[in-house]
Amino acid sequence: MIRRADNNDFRELAALFRQKSMTLGTLLGVYYIVKFCLFPLSFRSGLAGMLFIVLTLLVPFVAWRMVKRFQMEKMPEGMPFVTAWTFALRIFFFASLLVAVAHYVYFAFLDGGALAQAYTDNLAQLRETSIEGVTDQLTWQNQLDAFEKTFESVAALKPIQLVMELLVNNLFWGSIAALFIALFTKHPKSFNP
């Protein structure tokens, strides 16, 4: 157990935070990569799509468990809010960097336009079917047109541009999740530096 009693303990804690956030960020990054592998498969399999959605919704819980386990092992008296927030933020940062490498490898070397073709095929199927319960078919077609224009602009991106968009997206949602993770960790009753 590490206490924040003197400067040496603080340095030790900072080094431990850095090392553990990199380690846990790597584990979360591997989780992201496994989850991302399900995404292209989701166009062919409904089970893969459902599993992708479930794993995506579980990301904040997985990160919270990581922070909570670290807090219970190293700071059982509690972790201040800002410390928990920065620790969770670092975990998401390192995970996002790792999955960005996997995204680049996929989009630059493996995809070859397969993902764009799958989106185009799904959009064509949506255009052909009339959705029951949609009272205004013209509005439905306008929404499909807007979706198609948005998709075309995303499909026109180079792999590195797409990866940067995904990286920013992961960092944005990770920072929001980090706030909630910090709220749900045990905080000390009194903080005496």
N, C-alpha and C. Protein backbone atom coordinates (compact mmCIF):
# COMPACT_ATOMS: atom_id res chain seq x y z
N MET A 1 0.85 -1.18 0.00
CA MET A 1 0.00 0.00 0.00
C MET A 1 0.88 1.23 0.00
N ILE A 2 0.54 2.20 -0.81
CA ILE A 2 1.32 3.42 -0.93
C ILE A 2 0.52 4.55 -0.30
N ARG A 3 1.18 5.30 0.58
CA ARG A 3 0.55 6.48 1.18
C ARG A 3 1.23 7.72 0.64
N ARG A 4 0.51 8.81 0.61
CA ARG A 4 1.07 10.05 0.09
C ARG A 4 1.66 10.87 1.22
N ALA A 5 2.65 10.32 1.90
CA ALA A 5 3.21 10.98 3.08
C ALA A 5 4.35 11.93 2.73
N ASP A 6 5.22 11.55 1.83
CA ASP A 6 6.33 12.43 1.50
C ASP A 6 6.58 12.43 -0.01
N ASN A 7 7.60 13.18 -0.39
CA ASN A 7 7.89 13.36 -1.81
C ASN A 7 8.32 12.06 -2.48
N ASN A 8 9.06 11.20 -1.78
CA ASN A 8 9.49 9.93 -2.36
C ASN A 8 8.30 9.02 -2.63
N ASP A 9 7.36 9.00 -1.69
CA ASP A 9 6.15 8.21 -1.91
C ASP A 9 5.36 8.73 -3.11
N PHE A 10 5.33 10.05 -3.25
CA PHE A 10 4.61 10.63 -4.39
C PHE A 10 5.27 10.23 -5.70
N ARG A 11 6.61 10.27 -5.75
CA ARG A 11 7.33 9.86 -6.96
C ARG A 11 7.07 8.38 -7.26
N GLU A 12 7.08 7.57 -6.20
CA GLU A 12 6.82 6.14 -6.37
C GLU A 12 5.41 5.92 -6.90
N LEU A 13 4.45 6.65 -6.36
CA LEU A 13 3.07 6.54 -6.82
C LEU A 13 2.92 7.00 -8.27
N ALA A 14 3.60 8.10 -8.64
CA ALA A 14 3.52 8.60 -10.02
C ALA A 14 4.10 7.59 -11.00
N ALA A 15 5.22 6.97 -10.63
CA ALA A 15 5.83 5.96 -11.50
C ALA A 15 4.92 4.74 -11.62
N LEU A 16 4.31 4.35 -10.50
CA LEU A 16 3.39 3.22 -10.52
C LEU A 16 2.16 3.54 -11.37
N PHE A 17 1.63 4.76 -11.25
CA PHE A 17 0.49 5.17 -12.08
C PHE A 17 0.83 5.07 -13.56
N ARG A 18 2.00 5.58 -13.92
CA ARG A 18 2.41 5.57 -15.32
C ARG A 18 2.53 4.14 -15.84
N GLN A 19 3.20 3.29 -15.06
CA GLN A 19 3.41 1.91 -15.48
C GLN A 19 2.09 1.14 -15.55
N LYS A 20 1.25 1.27 -14.52
CA LYS A 20 -0.01 0.53 -14.50
C LYS A 20 -0.99 1.05 -15.55
N SER A 21 -1.00 2.36 -15.81
CA SER A 21 -1.92 2.88 -16.83
C SER A 21 -1.50 2.39 -18.21
N MET A 22 -0.19 2.25 -18.44
CA MET A 22 0.25 1.71 -19.73
C MET A 22 -0.13 0.23 -19.85
N THR A 23 0.07 -0.51 -18.78
CA THR A 23 -0.26 -1.94 -18.81
C THR A 23 -1.76 -2.15 -19.00
N LEU A 24 -2.55 -1.45 -18.19
CA LEU A 24 -4.01 -1.60 -18.29
C LEU A 24 -4.54 -1.04 -19.61
N GLY A 25 -3.92 0.03 -20.10
CA GLY A 25 -4.29 0.58 -21.41
C GLY A 25 -4.01 -0.41 -22.53
N THR A 26 -2.90 -1.14 -22.40
CA THR A 26 -2.59 -2.17 -23.39
C THR A 26 -3.64 -3.28 -23.37
N LEU A 27 -4.04 -3.69 -22.17
CA LEU A 27 -5.08 -4.72 -22.06
C LEU A 27 -6.40 -4.24 -22.64
N LEU A 28 -6.77 -3.00 -22.33
CA LEU A 28 -8.01 -2.46 -22.89
C LEU A 28 -7.88 -2.29 -24.41
N GLY A 29 -6.68 -1.95 -24.89
CA GLY A 29 -6.45 -1.85 -26.33
C GLY A 29 -6.63 -3.18 -27.03
N VAL A 30 -6.17 -4.26 -26.40
CA VAL A 30 -6.38 -5.60 -26.96
C VAL A 30 -7.87 -5.91 -26.99
N TYR A 31 -8.58 -5.53 -25.94
CA TYR A 31 -10.04 -5.69 -25.90
C TYR A 31 -10.67 -4.93 -27.07
N TYR A 32 -10.23 -3.68 -27.29
CA TYR A 32 -10.73 -2.88 -28.42
C TYR A 32 -10.46 -3.58 -29.75
N ILE A 33 -9.27 -4.15 -29.91
CA ILE A 33 -8.91 -4.81 -31.16
C ILE A 33 -9.80 -6.02 -31.41
N VAL A 34 -10.02 -6.82 -30.36
CA VAL A 34 -10.91 -7.98 -30.50
C VAL A 34 -12.31 -7.51 -30.87
N LYS A 35 -12.75 -6.46 -30.22
CA LYS A 35 -14.06 -5.90 -30.51
C LYS A 35 -14.13 -5.38 -31.96
N PHE A 36 -13.06 -4.74 -32.42
CA PHE A 36 -13.03 -4.21 -33.78
C PHE A 36 -13.03 -5.34 -34.82
N CYS A 37 -12.43 -6.47 -34.49
CA CYS A 37 -12.44 -7.60 -35.43
C CYS A 37 -13.87 -8.08 -35.70
N LEU A 38 -14.75 -7.87 -34.76
CA LEU A 38 -16.14 -8.27 -34.94
C LEU A 38 -16.91 -7.32 -35.86
N PHE A 39 -16.43 -6.08 -35.98
CA PHE A 39 -17.17 -5.09 -36.76
C PHE A 39 -17.33 -5.48 -38.24
N PRO A 40 -16.25 -5.81 -38.96
CA PRO A 40 -16.46 -6.21 -40.36
C PRO A 40 -17.29 -7.50 -40.48
N LEU A 41 -17.18 -8.37 -39.49
CA LEU A 41 -17.96 -9.61 -39.52
C LEU A 41 -19.45 -9.34 -39.29
N SER A 42 -19.75 -8.21 -38.66
CA SER A 42 -21.15 -7.92 -38.33
C SER A 42 -22.01 -7.69 -39.57
N PHE A 43 -21.39 -7.41 -40.72
CA PHE A 43 -22.16 -7.24 -41.95
C PHE A 43 -22.61 -8.56 -42.54
N ARG A 44 -21.97 -9.63 -42.10
CA ARG A 44 -22.34 -10.96 -42.59
C ARG A 44 -23.07 -11.79 -41.54
N SER A 45 -22.88 -11.44 -40.28
CA SER A 45 -23.45 -12.25 -39.20
C SER A 45 -24.11 -11.34 -38.17
N GLY A 46 -25.36 -11.61 -37.92
CA GLY A 46 -26.08 -10.85 -36.90
C GLY A 46 -25.53 -11.10 -35.51
N LEU A 47 -25.04 -12.32 -35.26
CA LEU A 47 -24.45 -12.64 -33.96
C LEU A 47 -23.20 -11.81 -33.71
N ALA A 48 -22.36 -11.65 -34.73
CA ALA A 48 -21.14 -10.83 -34.58
C ALA A 48 -21.52 -9.38 -34.32
N GLY A 49 -22.56 -8.90 -35.00
CA GLY A 49 -23.02 -7.53 -34.78
C GLY A 49 -23.53 -7.32 -33.37
N MET A 50 -24.30 -8.29 -32.88
CA MET A 50 -24.82 -8.18 -31.52
C MET A 50 -23.69 -8.23 -30.50
N LEU A 51 -22.73 -9.14 -30.72
CA LEU A 51 -21.59 -9.25 -29.83
C LEU A 51 -20.75 -7.97 -29.85
N PHE A 52 -20.59 -7.37 -31.02
CA PHE A 52 -19.87 -6.10 -31.13
C PHE A 52 -20.55 -5.02 -30.29
N ILE A 53 -21.86 -4.93 -30.39
CA ILE A 53 -22.60 -3.91 -29.63
C ILE A 53 -22.48 -4.16 -28.13
N VAL A 54 -22.62 -5.42 -27.71
CA VAL A 54 -22.52 -5.74 -26.28
C VAL A 54 -21.12 -5.41 -25.77
N LEU A 55 -20.09 -5.80 -26.51
CA LEU A 55 -18.72 -5.50 -26.08
C LEU A 55 -18.45 -4.00 -26.04
N THR A 56 -19.04 -3.26 -26.96
CA THR A 56 -18.89 -1.80 -26.97
C THR A 56 -19.54 -1.20 -25.73
N LEU A 57 -20.72 -1.67 -25.39
CA LEU A 57 -21.40 -1.14 -24.20
C LEU A 57 -20.70 -1.53 -22.90
N LEU A 58 -19.92 -2.60 -22.93
CA LEU A 58 -19.20 -3.05 -21.74
C LEU A 58 -17.86 -2.33 -21.52
N VAL A 59 -17.40 -1.56 -22.49
CA VAL A 59 -16.10 -0.89 -22.37
C VAL A 59 -15.98 -0.05 -21.08
N PRO A 60 -16.94 0.82 -20.77
CA PRO A 60 -16.79 1.60 -19.53
C PRO A 60 -16.74 0.72 -18.28
N PHE A 61 -17.52 -0.36 -18.26
CA PHE A 61 -17.50 -1.25 -17.10
C PHE A 61 -16.14 -1.94 -16.97
N VAL A 62 -15.58 -2.39 -18.09
CA VAL A 62 -14.27 -3.05 -18.07
C VAL A 62 -13.21 -2.08 -17.55
N ALA A 63 -13.22 -0.85 -18.05
CA ALA A 63 -12.26 0.15 -17.59
C ALA A 63 -12.47 0.49 -16.12
N TRP A 64 -13.72 0.57 -15.68
CA TRP A 64 -14.01 0.83 -14.26
C TRP A 64 -13.45 -0.28 -13.39
N ARG A 65 -13.61 -1.52 -13.82
CA ARG A 65 -13.06 -2.64 -13.04
C ARG A 65 -11.54 -2.56 -12.95
N MET A 66 -10.90 -2.13 -14.03
CA MET A 66 -9.45 -1.97 -14.01
C MET A 66 -9.03 -0.91 -12.99
N VAL A 67 -9.69 0.23 -13.03
CA VAL A 67 -9.38 1.31 -12.08
C VAL A 67 -9.69 0.87 -10.66
N LYS A 68 -10.81 0.23 -10.49
CA LYS A 68 -11.23 -0.22 -9.15
C LYS A 68 -10.25 -1.24 -8.58
N ARG A 69 -9.81 -2.17 -9.41
CA ARG A 69 -8.84 -3.18 -8.94
C ARG A 69 -7.53 -2.51 -8.53
N PHE A 70 -7.07 -1.56 -9.34
CA PHE A 70 -5.84 -0.83 -8.99
C PHE A 70 -6.03 -0.09 -7.68
N GLN A 71 -7.17 0.56 -7.54
CA GLN A 71 -7.45 1.33 -6.33
C GLN A 71 -7.50 0.42 -5.10
N MET A 72 -8.10 -0.75 -5.23
CA MET A 72 -8.20 -1.67 -4.09
C MET A 72 -6.84 -2.24 -3.72
N GLU A 73 -5.97 -2.48 -4.70
CA GLU A 73 -4.65 -3.04 -4.42
C GLU A 73 -3.67 -2.02 -3.89
N LYS A 74 -3.67 -0.82 -4.45
CA LYS A 74 -2.63 0.15 -4.13
C LYS A 74 -3.09 1.32 -3.26
N MET A 75 -4.35 1.63 -3.28
CA MET A 75 -4.87 2.76 -2.50
C MET A 75 -6.19 2.37 -1.84
N PRO A 76 -6.16 1.40 -0.92
CA PRO A 76 -7.42 0.93 -0.34
C PRO A 76 -8.18 1.99 0.46
N GLU A 77 -7.48 3.04 0.90
CA GLU A 77 -8.17 4.09 1.65
C GLU A 77 -8.99 4.99 0.73
N GLY A 78 -8.79 4.86 -0.56
CA GLY A 78 -9.56 5.63 -1.53
C GLY A 78 -8.66 6.39 -2.49
N MET A 79 -9.21 6.72 -3.62
CA MET A 79 -8.49 7.44 -4.67
C MET A 79 -9.21 8.75 -4.90
N PRO A 80 -8.51 9.89 -4.80
CA PRO A 80 -9.17 11.17 -5.06
C PRO A 80 -9.75 11.22 -6.48
N PHE A 81 -10.78 12.02 -6.64
CA PHE A 81 -11.49 12.09 -7.92
C PHE A 81 -10.55 12.40 -9.08
N VAL A 82 -9.72 13.42 -8.93
CA VAL A 82 -8.83 13.83 -10.02
C VAL A 82 -7.83 12.73 -10.34
N THR A 83 -7.35 12.04 -9.33
CA THR A 83 -6.42 10.94 -9.55
C THR A 83 -7.10 9.81 -10.31
N ALA A 84 -8.31 9.46 -9.90
CA ALA A 84 -9.05 8.40 -10.60
C ALA A 84 -9.35 8.81 -12.04
N TRP A 85 -9.71 10.08 -12.22
CA TRP A 85 -10.03 10.56 -13.56
C TRP A 85 -8.81 10.50 -14.48
N THR A 86 -7.66 11.01 -14.00
CA THR A 86 -6.47 11.00 -14.85
C THR A 86 -5.97 9.57 -15.10
N PHE A 87 -6.12 8.70 -14.11
CA PHE A 87 -5.72 7.31 -14.30
C PHE A 87 -6.59 6.65 -15.37
N ALA A 88 -7.89 6.83 -15.29
CA ALA A 88 -8.80 6.26 -16.29
C ALA A 88 -8.56 6.89 -17.66
N LEU A 89 -8.31 8.18 -17.68
CA LEU A 89 -8.03 8.87 -18.94
C LEU A 89 -6.77 8.33 -19.59
N ARG A 90 -5.76 8.06 -18.80
CA ARG A 90 -4.52 7.47 -19.34
C ARG A 90 -4.78 6.07 -19.90
N ILE A 91 -5.59 5.29 -19.22
CA ILE A 91 -5.91 3.95 -19.71
C ILE A 91 -6.57 4.06 -21.09
N PHE A 92 -7.55 4.94 -21.21
CA PHE A 92 -8.22 5.12 -22.50
C PHE A 92 -7.27 5.67 -23.57
N PHE A 93 -6.35 6.53 -23.17
CA PHE A 93 -5.39 7.08 -24.12
C PHE A 93 -4.50 5.98 -24.70
N PHE A 94 -3.93 5.15 -23.85
CA PHE A 94 -3.05 4.09 -24.34
C PHE A 94 -3.83 3.04 -25.13
N ALA A 95 -5.05 2.75 -24.71
CA ALA A 95 -5.88 1.80 -25.46
C ALA A 95 -6.21 2.35 -26.84
N SER A 96 -6.51 3.63 -26.91
CA SER A 96 -6.84 4.26 -28.20
C SER A 96 -5.65 4.27 -29.14
N LEU A 97 -4.46 4.50 -28.60
CA LEU A 97 -3.26 4.46 -29.45
C LEU A 97 -3.03 3.07 -30.02
N LEU A 98 -3.20 2.06 -29.19
CA LEU A 98 -2.98 0.69 -29.65
C LEU A 98 -4.00 0.28 -30.71
N VAL A 99 -5.26 0.59 -30.49
CA VAL A 99 -6.27 0.20 -31.47
C VAL A 99 -6.14 1.04 -32.74
N ALA A 100 -5.58 2.24 -32.65
CA ALA A 100 -5.36 3.04 -33.85
C ALA A 100 -4.37 2.35 -34.79
N VAL A 101 -3.37 1.69 -34.23
CA VAL A 101 -2.42 0.94 -35.06
C VAL A 101 -3.16 -0.20 -35.78
N ALA A 102 -4.01 -0.90 -35.05
CA ALA A 102 -4.79 -1.99 -35.66
C ALA A 102 -5.74 -1.44 -36.73
N HIS A 103 -6.36 -0.30 -36.46
CA HIS A 103 -7.24 0.32 -37.45
C HIS A 103 -6.45 0.65 -38.72
N TYR A 104 -5.27 1.20 -38.57
CA TYR A 104 -4.47 1.57 -39.74
C TYR A 104 -4.10 0.33 -40.55
N VAL A 105 -3.64 -0.71 -39.87
CA VAL A 105 -3.27 -1.94 -40.58
C VAL A 105 -4.48 -2.48 -41.34
N TYR A 106 -5.64 -2.47 -40.70
CA TYR A 106 -6.84 -2.98 -41.36
C TYR A 106 -7.22 -2.14 -42.58
N PHE A 107 -7.36 -0.83 -42.39
CA PHE A 107 -7.85 0.01 -43.48
C PHE A 107 -6.82 0.22 -44.59
N ALA A 108 -5.54 0.22 -44.25
CA ALA A 108 -4.52 0.45 -45.28
C ALA A 108 -4.16 -0.82 -46.04
N PHE A 109 -4.18 -1.98 -45.38
CA PHE A 109 -3.66 -3.18 -46.02
C PHE A 109 -4.66 -4.32 -46.18
N LEU A 110 -5.65 -4.41 -45.33
CA LEU A 110 -6.53 -5.59 -45.34
C LEU A 110 -7.91 -5.34 -45.95
N ASP A 111 -8.45 -4.16 -45.75
CA ASP A 111 -9.85 -3.91 -46.13
C ASP A 111 -10.05 -3.93 -47.64
N GLY A 112 -9.32 -3.16 -48.37
CA GLY A 112 -9.46 -3.13 -49.82
C GLY A 112 -10.84 -2.71 -50.30
N GLY A 113 -11.55 -1.91 -49.53
CA GLY A 113 -12.87 -1.44 -49.93
C GLY A 113 -14.01 -2.36 -49.55
N ALA A 114 -13.72 -3.45 -48.83
CA ALA A 114 -14.78 -4.41 -48.47
C ALA A 114 -15.80 -3.79 -47.53
N LEU A 115 -15.34 -2.98 -46.58
CA LEU A 115 -16.26 -2.35 -45.64
C LEU A 115 -17.17 -1.36 -46.36
N ALA A 116 -16.60 -0.58 -47.27
CA ALA A 116 -17.41 0.37 -48.05
C ALA A 116 -18.42 -0.36 -48.91
N GLN A 117 -18.02 -1.48 -49.50
CA GLN A 117 -18.93 -2.26 -50.32
C GLN A 117 -20.07 -2.84 -49.49
N ALA A 118 -19.76 -3.29 -48.28
CA ALA A 118 -20.80 -3.84 -47.39
C ALA A 118 -21.81 -2.76 -47.02
N TYR A 119 -21.32 -1.54 -46.72
CA TYR A 119 -22.23 -0.43 -46.43
C TYR A 119 -23.10 -0.13 -47.64
N THR A 120 -22.50 -0.09 -48.82
CA THR A 120 -23.25 0.21 -50.05
C THR A 120 -24.32 -0.85 -50.30
N ASP A 121 -23.97 -2.11 -50.10
CA ASP A 121 -24.95 -3.18 -50.30
C ASP A 121 -26.11 -3.07 -49.31
N ASN A 122 -25.79 -2.78 -48.05
CA ASN A 122 -26.85 -2.63 -47.05
C ASN A 122 -27.74 -1.44 -47.36
N LEU A 123 -27.15 -0.37 -47.83
CA LEU A 123 -27.95 0.81 -48.19
C LEU A 123 -28.86 0.51 -49.38
N ALA A 124 -28.35 -0.25 -50.35
CA ALA A 124 -29.16 -0.63 -51.51
C ALA A 124 -30.34 -1.50 -51.08
N GLN A 125 -30.10 -2.41 -50.14
CA GLN A 125 -31.20 -3.24 -49.62
C GLN A 125 -32.24 -2.40 -48.91
N LEU A 126 -31.78 -1.39 -48.15
CA LEU A 126 -32.73 -0.51 -47.47
C LEU A 126 -33.57 0.28 -48.46
N ARG A 127 -32.98 0.70 -49.55
CA ARG A 127 -33.71 1.46 -50.57
C ARG A 127 -34.78 0.60 -51.25
N GLU A 128 -34.47 -0.68 -51.44
CA GLU A 128 -35.40 -1.57 -52.14
C GLU A 128 -36.59 -1.97 -51.28
N THR A 129 -36.38 -2.06 -50.01
CA THR A 129 -37.48 -2.49 -49.14
C THR A 129 -38.26 -1.28 -48.67
N SER A 130 -39.53 -1.45 -48.59
CA SER A 130 -40.34 -0.38 -48.02
C SER A 130 -40.55 -0.75 -46.55
N ILE A 131 -40.26 0.17 -45.71
CA ILE A 131 -40.35 -0.08 -44.27
C ILE A 131 -41.79 0.12 -43.83
N GLU A 132 -42.35 -0.95 -43.26
CA GLU A 132 -43.72 -0.85 -42.74
C GLU A 132 -43.71 0.03 -41.50
N GLY A 133 -44.72 0.82 -41.35
CA GLY A 133 -44.82 1.70 -40.20
C GLY A 133 -44.26 3.09 -40.48
N VAL A 134 -43.52 3.24 -41.58
CA VAL A 134 -43.02 4.56 -41.95
C VAL A 134 -44.12 5.25 -42.73
N THR A 135 -44.69 6.27 -42.15
CA THR A 135 -45.85 6.91 -42.76
C THR A 135 -45.44 7.80 -43.93
N ASP A 136 -44.29 8.38 -43.87
CA ASP A 136 -43.87 9.29 -44.93
C ASP A 136 -42.66 8.70 -45.64
N GLN A 137 -42.90 8.02 -46.78
CA GLN A 137 -41.82 7.38 -47.53
C GLN A 137 -40.85 8.40 -48.10
N LEU A 138 -41.33 9.62 -48.41
CA LEU A 138 -40.45 10.65 -48.94
C LEU A 138 -39.42 11.06 -47.88
N THR A 139 -39.86 11.21 -46.65
CA THR A 139 -38.93 11.54 -45.57
C THR A 139 -37.93 10.41 -45.38
N TRP A 140 -38.39 9.18 -45.47
CA TRP A 140 -37.50 8.03 -45.35
C TRP A 140 -36.43 8.05 -46.44
N GLN A 141 -36.85 8.34 -47.68
CA GLN A 141 -35.89 8.41 -48.78
C GLN A 141 -34.90 9.56 -48.59
N ASN A 142 -35.39 10.69 -48.07
CA ASN A 142 -34.50 11.82 -47.80
C ASN A 142 -33.47 11.47 -46.73
N GLN A 143 -33.90 10.73 -45.72
CA GLN A 143 -32.96 10.29 -44.68
C GLN A 143 -31.92 9.34 -45.26
N LEU A 144 -32.35 8.44 -46.15
CA LEU A 144 -31.40 7.54 -46.80
C LEU A 144 -30.43 8.31 -47.68
N ASP A 145 -30.91 9.35 -48.37
CA ASP A 145 -30.03 10.18 -49.19
C ASP A 145 -28.99 10.89 -48.32
N ALA A 146 -29.41 11.41 -47.19
CA ALA A 146 -28.48 12.09 -46.29
C ALA A 146 -27.45 11.10 -45.75
N PHE A 147 -27.90 9.90 -45.41
CA PHE A 147 -26.98 8.88 -44.93
C PHE A 147 -25.97 8.51 -46.02
N GLU A 148 -26.46 8.41 -47.27
CA GLU A 148 -25.59 8.06 -48.38
C GLU A 148 -24.53 9.13 -48.62
N LYS A 149 -24.90 10.41 -48.52
CA LYS A 149 -23.93 11.49 -48.70
C LYS A 149 -22.89 11.48 -47.58
N THR A 150 -23.34 11.24 -46.37
CA THR A 150 -22.41 11.15 -45.24
C THR A 150 -21.45 9.99 -45.43
N PHE A 151 -21.99 8.85 -45.84
CA PHE A 151 -21.15 7.68 -46.06
C PHE A 151 -20.14 7.92 -47.17
N GLU A 152 -20.56 8.58 -48.25
CA GLU A 152 -19.63 8.86 -49.35
C GLU A 152 -18.47 9.73 -48.89
N SER A 153 -18.75 10.70 -48.01
CA SER A 153 -17.66 11.55 -47.52
C SER A 153 -16.71 10.76 -46.62
N VAL A 154 -17.24 9.82 -45.85
CA VAL A 154 -16.39 8.98 -45.01
C VAL A 154 -15.60 8.00 -45.87
N ALA A 155 -16.23 7.44 -46.89
CA ALA A 155 -15.56 6.47 -47.76
C ALA A 155 -14.45 7.12 -48.57
N ALA A 156 -14.53 8.44 -48.79
CA ALA A 156 -13.51 9.14 -49.56
C ALA A 156 -12.24 9.42 -48.75
N LEU A 157 -12.31 9.20 -47.44
CA LEU A 157 -11.14 9.45 -46.60
C LEU A 157 -10.04 8.44 -46.86
N LYS A 158 -8.81 8.90 -46.76
CA LYS A 158 -7.66 8.00 -46.85
C LYS A 158 -7.58 7.21 -45.55
N PRO A 159 -6.90 6.07 -45.54
CA PRO A 159 -6.82 5.27 -44.32
C PRO A 159 -6.31 6.05 -43.11
N ILE A 160 -5.29 6.88 -43.28
CA ILE A 160 -4.75 7.62 -42.14
C ILE A 160 -5.77 8.64 -41.62
N GLN A 161 -6.54 9.24 -42.53
CA GLN A 161 -7.57 10.19 -42.10
C GLN A 161 -8.68 9.48 -41.33
N LEU A 162 -9.05 8.32 -41.81
CA LEU A 162 -10.08 7.54 -41.13
C LEU A 162 -9.59 7.10 -39.75
N VAL A 163 -8.34 6.69 -39.66
CA VAL A 163 -7.77 6.27 -38.39
C VAL A 163 -7.73 7.45 -37.41
N MET A 164 -7.38 8.62 -37.90
CA MET A 164 -7.35 9.80 -37.02
C MET A 164 -8.76 10.14 -36.52
N GLU A 165 -9.75 10.00 -37.39
CA GLU A 165 -11.14 10.22 -36.97
C GLU A 165 -11.53 9.22 -35.87
N LEU A 166 -11.18 7.96 -36.07
CA LEU A 166 -11.50 6.94 -35.07
C LEU A 166 -10.73 7.17 -33.77
N LEU A 167 -9.49 7.62 -33.87
CA LEU A 167 -8.69 7.92 -32.67
C LEU A 167 -9.32 9.04 -31.86
N VAL A 168 -9.70 10.11 -32.54
CA VAL A 168 -10.35 11.23 -31.85
C VAL A 168 -11.68 10.77 -31.23
N ASN A 169 -12.42 9.95 -31.95
CA ASN A 169 -13.68 9.42 -31.45
C ASN A 169 -13.45 8.59 -30.18
N ASN A 170 -12.45 7.71 -30.21
CA ASN A 170 -12.15 6.89 -29.03
C ASN A 170 -11.71 7.74 -27.85
N LEU A 171 -10.89 8.76 -28.11
CA LEU A 171 -10.44 9.64 -27.03
C LEU A 171 -11.59 10.46 -26.45
N PHE A 172 -12.48 10.92 -27.31
CA PHE A 172 -13.63 11.70 -26.83
C PHE A 172 -14.52 10.86 -25.92
N TRP A 173 -14.93 9.69 -26.39
CA TRP A 173 -15.81 8.85 -25.57
C TRP A 173 -15.08 8.30 -24.35
N GLY A 174 -13.78 8.07 -24.49
CA GLY A 174 -12.99 7.62 -23.34
C GLY A 174 -12.90 8.68 -22.26
N SER A 175 -12.78 9.94 -22.67
CA SER A 175 -12.71 11.01 -21.67
C SER A 175 -14.04 11.18 -20.94
N ILE A 176 -15.14 10.98 -21.65
CA ILE A 176 -16.45 11.04 -20.99
C ILE A 176 -16.62 9.86 -20.04
N ALA A 177 -16.24 8.67 -20.49
CA ALA A 177 -16.33 7.50 -19.62
C ALA A 177 -15.42 7.64 -18.41
N ALA A 178 -14.25 8.27 -18.59
CA ALA A 178 -13.32 8.45 -17.47
C ALA A 178 -13.93 9.31 -16.37
N LEU A 179 -14.74 10.28 -16.74
CA LEU A 179 -15.42 11.10 -15.72
C LEU A 179 -16.36 10.25 -14.86
N PHE A 180 -17.13 9.40 -15.52
CA PHE A 180 -18.06 8.56 -14.77
C PHE A 180 -17.32 7.50 -13.96
N ILE A 181 -16.23 6.99 -14.50
CA ILE A 181 -15.43 6.01 -13.76
C ILE A 181 -14.88 6.66 -12.49
N ALA A 182 -14.39 7.88 -12.61
CA ALA A 182 -13.85 8.58 -11.45
C ALA A 182 -14.94 8.84 -10.41
N LEU A 183 -16.15 9.08 -10.87
CA LEU A 183 -17.26 9.30 -9.92
C LEU A 183 -17.59 8.05 -9.12
N PHE A 184 -17.41 6.88 -9.73
CA PHE A 184 -17.81 5.63 -9.09
C PHE A 184 -16.66 4.87 -8.45
N THR A 185 -15.55 5.55 -8.20
CA THR A 185 -14.49 4.93 -7.42
C THR A 185 -14.57 5.45 -6.00
N LYS A 186 -13.99 4.68 -5.08
CA LYS A 186 -14.02 5.07 -3.67
C LYS A 186 -13.07 6.25 -3.46
N HIS A 187 -13.59 7.30 -2.84
CA HIS A 187 -12.79 8.48 -2.56
C HIS A 187 -12.44 8.52 -1.08
N PRO A 188 -11.27 9.07 -0.74
CA PRO A 188 -10.90 9.12 0.68
C PRO A 188 -11.81 10.05 1.46
N LYS A 189 -11.98 9.71 2.75
CA LYS A 189 -12.82 10.56 3.62
C LYS A 189 -12.18 11.92 3.80
N SER A 190 -10.89 11.92 4.07
CA SER A 190 -10.15 13.17 4.18
C SER A 190 -8.82 12.99 3.48
N PHE A 191 -8.39 14.03 2.83
CA PHE A 191 -7.15 13.95 2.06
C PHE A 191 -6.10 14.82 2.73
N ASN A 192 -5.06 14.18 3.22
CA ASN A 192 -3.95 14.90 3.87
C ASN A 192 -2.68 14.63 3.09
N PRO A 193 -2.25 15.60 2.26
CA PRO A 193 -1.05 15.36 1.46
C PRO A 193 0.21 15.27 2.30
